[in-house]
Protein backbone atom coordinates (compact mmCIF):
# COMPACT_ATOMS: atom_id res chain seq x y z
CA MET A 1 100.39 99.21 64.88
CA ASN A 2 99.19 96.42 66.70
CA TYR A 3 95.36 95.87 67.58
CA ILE A 4 93.08 93.36 68.97
CA THR A 5 89.33 93.54 68.56
CA VAL A 6 87.41 93.04 71.82
CA ASP A 7 84.00 94.09 71.19
CA LYS A 8 81.70 96.44 69.05
CA GLU A 9 79.76 99.66 69.29
CA ASN A 10 77.20 100.39 66.80
CA SER A 11 79.12 100.34 63.23
CA GLY A 12 82.57 100.33 64.85
CA SER A 13 84.94 97.73 66.46
CA ILE A 14 86.46 98.24 69.81
CA ASP A 15 89.89 97.81 69.49
CA LEU A 16 92.92 97.54 72.00
CA TYR A 17 96.36 98.74 71.08
CA TYR A 18 99.31 96.74 72.28
CA GLU A 19 102.98 96.21 72.04
CA ASP A 20 104.95 93.00 72.23
CA HIS A 21 108.65 93.10 72.78
CA GLY A 22 111.58 90.56 73.40
CA GLN A 23 111.41 86.88 74.05
CA GLY A 24 111.18 84.62 76.99
CA LYS A 25 108.21 84.08 79.67
CA PRO A 26 105.74 86.73 79.08
CA VAL A 27 105.10 89.83 81.27
CA VAL A 28 101.88 91.77 80.76
CA LEU A 29 101.88 95.42 81.88
CA ILE A 30 98.78 96.79 82.81
CA HIS A 31 98.51 100.75 83.14
CA GLY A 32 96.90 103.16 85.71
CA TRP A 33 94.31 106.04 85.22
CA PRO A 34 94.55 108.21 83.33
CA LEU A 35 97.74 107.06 81.32
CA SER A 36 98.46 104.25 78.69
CA GLY A 37 100.72 101.53 78.36
CA ALA A 38 103.41 104.25 77.31
CA SER A 39 103.95 104.78 81.32
CA TRP A 40 106.06 101.36 81.57
CA GLU A 41 108.77 103.57 79.59
CA LYS A 42 111.27 102.77 82.37
CA GLN A 43 110.23 99.00 82.94
CA VAL A 44 110.08 97.74 79.26
CA PRO A 45 113.69 98.01 78.44
CA ALA A 46 114.76 96.50 81.90
CA LEU A 47 112.57 93.62 81.62
CA VAL A 48 113.34 92.98 77.76
CA GLY A 49 117.03 93.06 78.80
CA ALA A 50 116.80 90.48 81.48
CA GLY A 51 114.94 87.87 78.80
CA TYR A 52 111.39 88.38 79.05
CA ARG A 53 108.69 89.00 76.35
CA VAL A 54 107.01 92.09 77.50
CA ILE A 55 103.42 93.12 76.51
CA THR A 56 101.94 96.59 77.12
CA TYR A 57 98.38 97.42 76.24
CA ASP A 58 96.23 100.45 76.31
CA ARG A 59 92.76 100.04 78.60
CA ARG A 60 89.64 100.90 76.48
CA GLY A 61 89.41 104.66 76.19
CA PHE A 62 92.93 105.46 76.83
CA GLY A 63 96.26 105.85 74.67
CA ASN A 64 95.67 104.60 71.42
CA SER A 65 92.83 102.05 71.93
CA SER A 66 89.44 102.86 70.95
CA ARG A 67 87.09 105.28 72.92
CA PRO A 68 83.55 103.79 73.18
CA THR A 69 81.18 105.16 75.62
CA THR A 70 80.42 101.68 77.34
CA GLY A 71 82.40 99.03 79.17
CA TYR A 72 84.31 100.96 82.13
CA ASP A 73 83.81 98.48 84.53
CA TYR A 74 85.99 95.74 85.92
CA ASP A 75 84.30 92.64 84.58
CA THR A 76 84.46 94.10 81.14
CA PHE A 77 88.17 95.30 81.74
CA ALA A 78 89.00 91.72 83.11
CA ASP A 79 87.16 90.31 79.96
CA ASP A 80 89.48 92.40 77.51
CA LEU A 81 92.54 91.39 79.25
CA HIS A 82 91.37 87.64 78.82
CA LYS A 83 90.84 87.99 75.10
CA LEU A 84 94.27 89.78 74.60
CA LEU A 85 95.79 86.67 76.80
CA THR A 86 93.93 84.36 74.54
CA LYS A 87 94.63 86.07 71.17
CA LEU A 88 98.44 86.20 71.66
CA ASP A 89 98.04 82.73 73.33
CA LEU A 90 100.06 83.60 76.71
CA ASN A 91 100.95 80.84 78.98
CA ASP A 92 102.91 81.06 82.32
CA ALA A 93 102.53 84.78 82.26
CA ALA A 94 103.11 87.39 84.91
CA LEU A 95 100.50 89.90 85.22
CA VAL A 96 101.82 93.47 86.59
CA GLY A 97 99.00 95.90 87.36
CA PHE A 98 99.75 99.59 88.38
CA SER A 99 97.29 101.56 90.29
CA MET A 100 93.84 101.11 88.44
CA GLY A 101 95.42 98.13 86.67
CA GLY A 102 96.04 96.37 89.86
CA GLY A 103 92.02 95.73 89.95
CA GLU A 104 92.31 94.10 86.37
CA VAL A 105 94.65 91.57 87.91
CA ALA A 106 92.55 90.78 90.93
CA ARG A 107 89.43 90.46 88.79
CA TYR A 108 90.84 88.59 85.98
CA LEU A 109 92.31 86.07 88.40
CA GLY A 110 89.01 86.28 90.50
CA ALA A 111 86.89 85.54 87.26
CA HIS A 112 89.24 83.48 85.01
CA GLY A 113 91.60 81.81 87.13
CA SER A 114 95.37 81.29 86.97
CA LYS A 115 95.24 78.79 83.95
CA ARG A 116 97.40 81.13 81.86
CA VAL A 117 99.05 82.94 84.85
CA SER A 118 102.10 82.13 86.97
CA LYS A 119 102.73 85.17 89.03
CA ALA A 120 100.88 88.51 89.91
CA VAL A 121 102.23 91.91 90.94
CA PHE A 122 100.14 94.71 92.67
CA MET A 123 101.99 98.15 92.16
CA SER A 124 100.59 101.06 93.85
CA ALA A 125 97.47 99.34 93.42
CA ILE A 126 93.71 100.26 94.11
CA THR A 127 92.75 96.93 95.87
CA PRO A 128 91.54 95.72 98.08
CA PHE A 129 88.40 98.24 98.25
CA ARG A 130 88.38 101.83 98.23
CA LEU A 131 84.88 102.68 99.48
CA LYS A 132 84.40 103.32 102.98
CA THR A 133 81.55 101.02 104.45
CA PRO A 134 80.68 99.47 107.83
CA ASP A 135 82.97 96.53 107.26
CA ASN A 136 85.79 98.66 105.47
CA PRO A 137 86.41 101.50 107.73
CA ALA A 138 89.83 102.11 105.89
CA GLY A 139 88.02 103.34 102.74
CA ALA A 140 87.27 106.66 101.59
CA GLU A 141 84.06 108.41 101.72
CA ARG A 142 81.63 108.06 98.76
CA ALA A 143 81.51 111.78 98.69
CA VAL A 144 85.15 111.90 97.54
CA PHE A 145 84.51 110.20 94.41
CA GLU A 146 81.53 112.18 93.73
CA GLU A 147 83.37 115.29 94.06
CA LEU A 148 86.10 114.09 91.80
CA GLN A 149 83.49 113.19 89.21
CA LYS A 150 82.33 116.76 89.22
CA SER A 151 85.69 118.39 89.05
CA ILE A 152 86.32 115.86 85.84
CA ALA A 153 83.03 116.81 84.32
CA ALA A 154 83.72 120.45 84.89
CA ASP A 155 87.41 121.01 83.91
CA ARG A 156 88.93 117.93 82.89
CA PRO A 157 92.44 119.42 81.81
CA ALA A 158 92.63 121.37 85.10
CA LEU A 159 91.61 117.97 87.32
CA LEU A 160 94.65 116.18 85.39
CA SER A 161 97.05 118.90 86.33
CA GLY A 162 96.33 118.82 90.09
CA PHE A 163 96.00 114.83 90.03
CA LEU A 164 99.36 114.50 88.46
CA ALA A 165 100.95 117.01 90.93
CA ASN A 166 100.17 114.52 93.69
CA PHE A 167 100.60 111.62 91.47
CA TYR A 168 104.39 112.29 91.20
CA ASN A 169 104.79 114.31 94.50
CA VAL A 170 106.07 117.06 92.36
CA ASP A 171 106.41 119.57 95.25
CA THR A 172 108.98 117.36 97.04
CA LEU A 173 110.69 115.35 94.25
CA LYS A 174 110.67 117.77 91.28
CA GLY A 175 114.03 118.25 90.06
CA THR A 176 115.71 115.05 91.46
CA ARG A 177 113.13 112.12 90.63
CA ILE A 178 110.75 114.01 88.29
CA SER A 179 110.88 116.70 85.81
CA ASP A 180 108.54 119.23 84.55
CA ASP A 181 108.81 117.90 81.08
CA ALA A 182 108.06 114.30 82.45
CA VAL A 183 104.83 115.63 84.18
CA ARG A 184 103.79 117.22 80.88
CA LEU A 185 104.22 114.11 78.90
CA SER A 186 101.88 112.50 81.44
CA TRP A 187 99.37 115.18 81.01
CA SER A 188 99.28 114.84 77.43
CA ILE A 189 98.69 111.20 77.48
CA ALA A 190 96.03 111.54 80.11
CA ALA A 191 94.47 114.67 78.43
CA GLY A 192 94.34 112.42 75.02
CA ALA A 193 91.94 109.85 76.68
CA SER A 194 88.39 109.72 76.39
CA PRO A 195 86.45 112.11 78.45
CA LYS A 196 83.69 109.58 79.06
CA GLY A 197 86.14 106.80 79.95
CA THR A 198 88.10 109.15 82.31
CA LEU A 199 84.86 110.05 84.10
CA ASP A 200 83.42 106.38 84.27
CA CYS A 201 86.51 104.65 85.50
CA VAL A 202 85.82 106.58 89.02
CA GLN A 203 82.64 104.52 89.31
CA ALA A 204 84.75 101.34 88.70
CA TRP A 205 87.11 102.24 91.54
CA LEU A 206 84.23 101.58 93.91
CA THR A 207 84.61 97.74 93.19
CA ASP A 208 85.15 95.49 95.81
CA PHE A 209 88.22 93.28 95.12
CA ARG A 210 88.57 91.26 98.25
CA PRO A 211 86.99 88.34 97.11
CA ASP A 212 89.01 88.12 94.02
CA LEU A 213 92.12 88.56 96.10
CA LYS A 214 91.18 85.66 98.38
CA ARG A 215 91.16 83.49 95.04
CA ILE A 216 94.53 84.13 94.01
CA ASP A 217 96.66 81.06 94.00
CA VAL A 218 99.95 82.17 92.39
CA PRO A 219 102.79 83.97 93.90
CA THR A 220 102.06 87.55 94.45
CA LEU A 221 104.33 90.73 94.87
CA VAL A 222 102.75 93.90 96.20
CA VAL A 223 104.97 97.07 95.39
CA HIS A 224 103.84 100.29 97.05
CA GLY A 225 105.72 103.69 98.19
CA ASP A 226 105.43 104.77 101.90
CA ASP A 227 104.73 108.48 100.37
CA ASP A 228 101.64 107.57 98.09
CA ARG A 229 99.27 110.25 98.18
CA ILE A 230 96.64 108.95 95.94
CA LEU A 231 96.24 105.54 97.28
CA PRO A 232 98.02 105.42 100.60
CA LEU A 233 100.01 102.47 101.65
CA ALA A 234 98.02 101.63 104.69
CA ALA A 235 94.88 101.43 103.02
CA THR A 236 95.72 99.80 99.92
CA GLY A 237 99.33 98.05 99.71
CA LYS A 238 99.41 96.66 103.12
CA ARG A 239 95.82 95.60 102.99
CA THR A 240 96.05 93.89 99.77
CA GLN A 241 99.27 92.08 101.05
CA GLU A 242 97.01 90.69 103.86
CA CYS A 243 94.17 89.63 101.55
CA VAL A 244 96.39 87.26 99.24
CA LYS A 245 97.83 84.47 100.96
CA GLY A 246 101.47 83.96 100.82
CA SER A 247 102.21 87.31 99.15
CA ARG A 248 105.16 89.57 99.87
CA LEU A 249 105.18 93.46 100.39
CA ALA A 250 107.93 95.62 99.19
CA VAL A 251 107.77 99.26 100.40
CA ILE A 252 109.64 101.97 98.45
CA LYS A 253 110.98 104.45 100.76
CA GLY A 254 109.99 107.84 99.68
CA GLY A 255 107.96 106.40 96.68
CA PRO A 256 104.83 108.37 95.51
CA HIS A 257 102.05 106.93 93.57
CA GLY A 258 103.88 107.13 90.27
CA LEU A 259 106.95 105.34 91.71
CA ASN A 260 107.38 103.44 88.59
CA TRP A 261 108.89 106.43 87.03
CA THR A 262 110.41 108.40 90.10
CA HIS A 263 112.13 105.31 91.64
CA ALA A 264 112.45 102.95 88.48
CA GLU A 265 115.51 101.80 89.75
CA GLU A 266 114.18 100.57 92.85
CA VAL A 267 110.83 99.19 91.34
CA ASN A 268 112.80 97.21 88.52
CA ARG A 269 115.12 95.68 91.21
CA GLU A 270 112.01 94.19 93.19
CA LEU A 271 110.22 93.05 89.80
CA LEU A 272 113.28 91.41 88.44
CA ALA A 273 113.94 89.57 91.67
CA PHE A 274 110.39 88.67 91.92
CA LEU A 275 110.25 87.21 88.32
CA ALA A 276 113.36 85.25 88.57
CA ALA A 277 112.45 83.75 91.90
């Protein structure tokens, strides 16, 4: 298994698990909460088959990576990504961030620039800013996030079940685009994550990415489903496209939040066309 050490906590190292497949221009896939790099199961073969080098990694606290009690903020996440790109000496890379992973893409480009990056993709992304404030009326009330934190602390496994039902719009897509088995797989991955990391990430979602998005100077694609119950299109995808100069918005008809599984064919088509352009 491949690991890169990004930090230390007391006597132990903080290591990120990653996979590195194929040859060609690098594409780095950054997963969402509360999953892992395994969530890109339907994208990796398509990208490798199209001639790309594909790197997936597990965010600290998730998947096969270390489970520290600190570092669940976007400055640290972006630094972790920077250390991975530097360690693997990746250049001319495309960064693809799903959901929470969109925050890594934004903060990385805002803080570290585009020296190693040639393209960016925001997929079902959390950007630009989820908290409702006087200058951000499209955001959600702080109480929404506080209640979510209480639910995670009270019964994390039960919270994950409800979350994933809306993640995949199971009530409407079960049996056609998602199976019970696929949902169980996601639940198992999510349940295996750090409880502390799962909880602390909610606070990170209140990060304002608007300044980061304005600094992006590489071709950018925004992919979002028009039936996303977790991060509604109007409050996130459309506004992200408006924030990034020259970016393009691809709306996936009927797509839920977890559209990289339920609508993999449509997503892969958009992704491959953008990378080849």
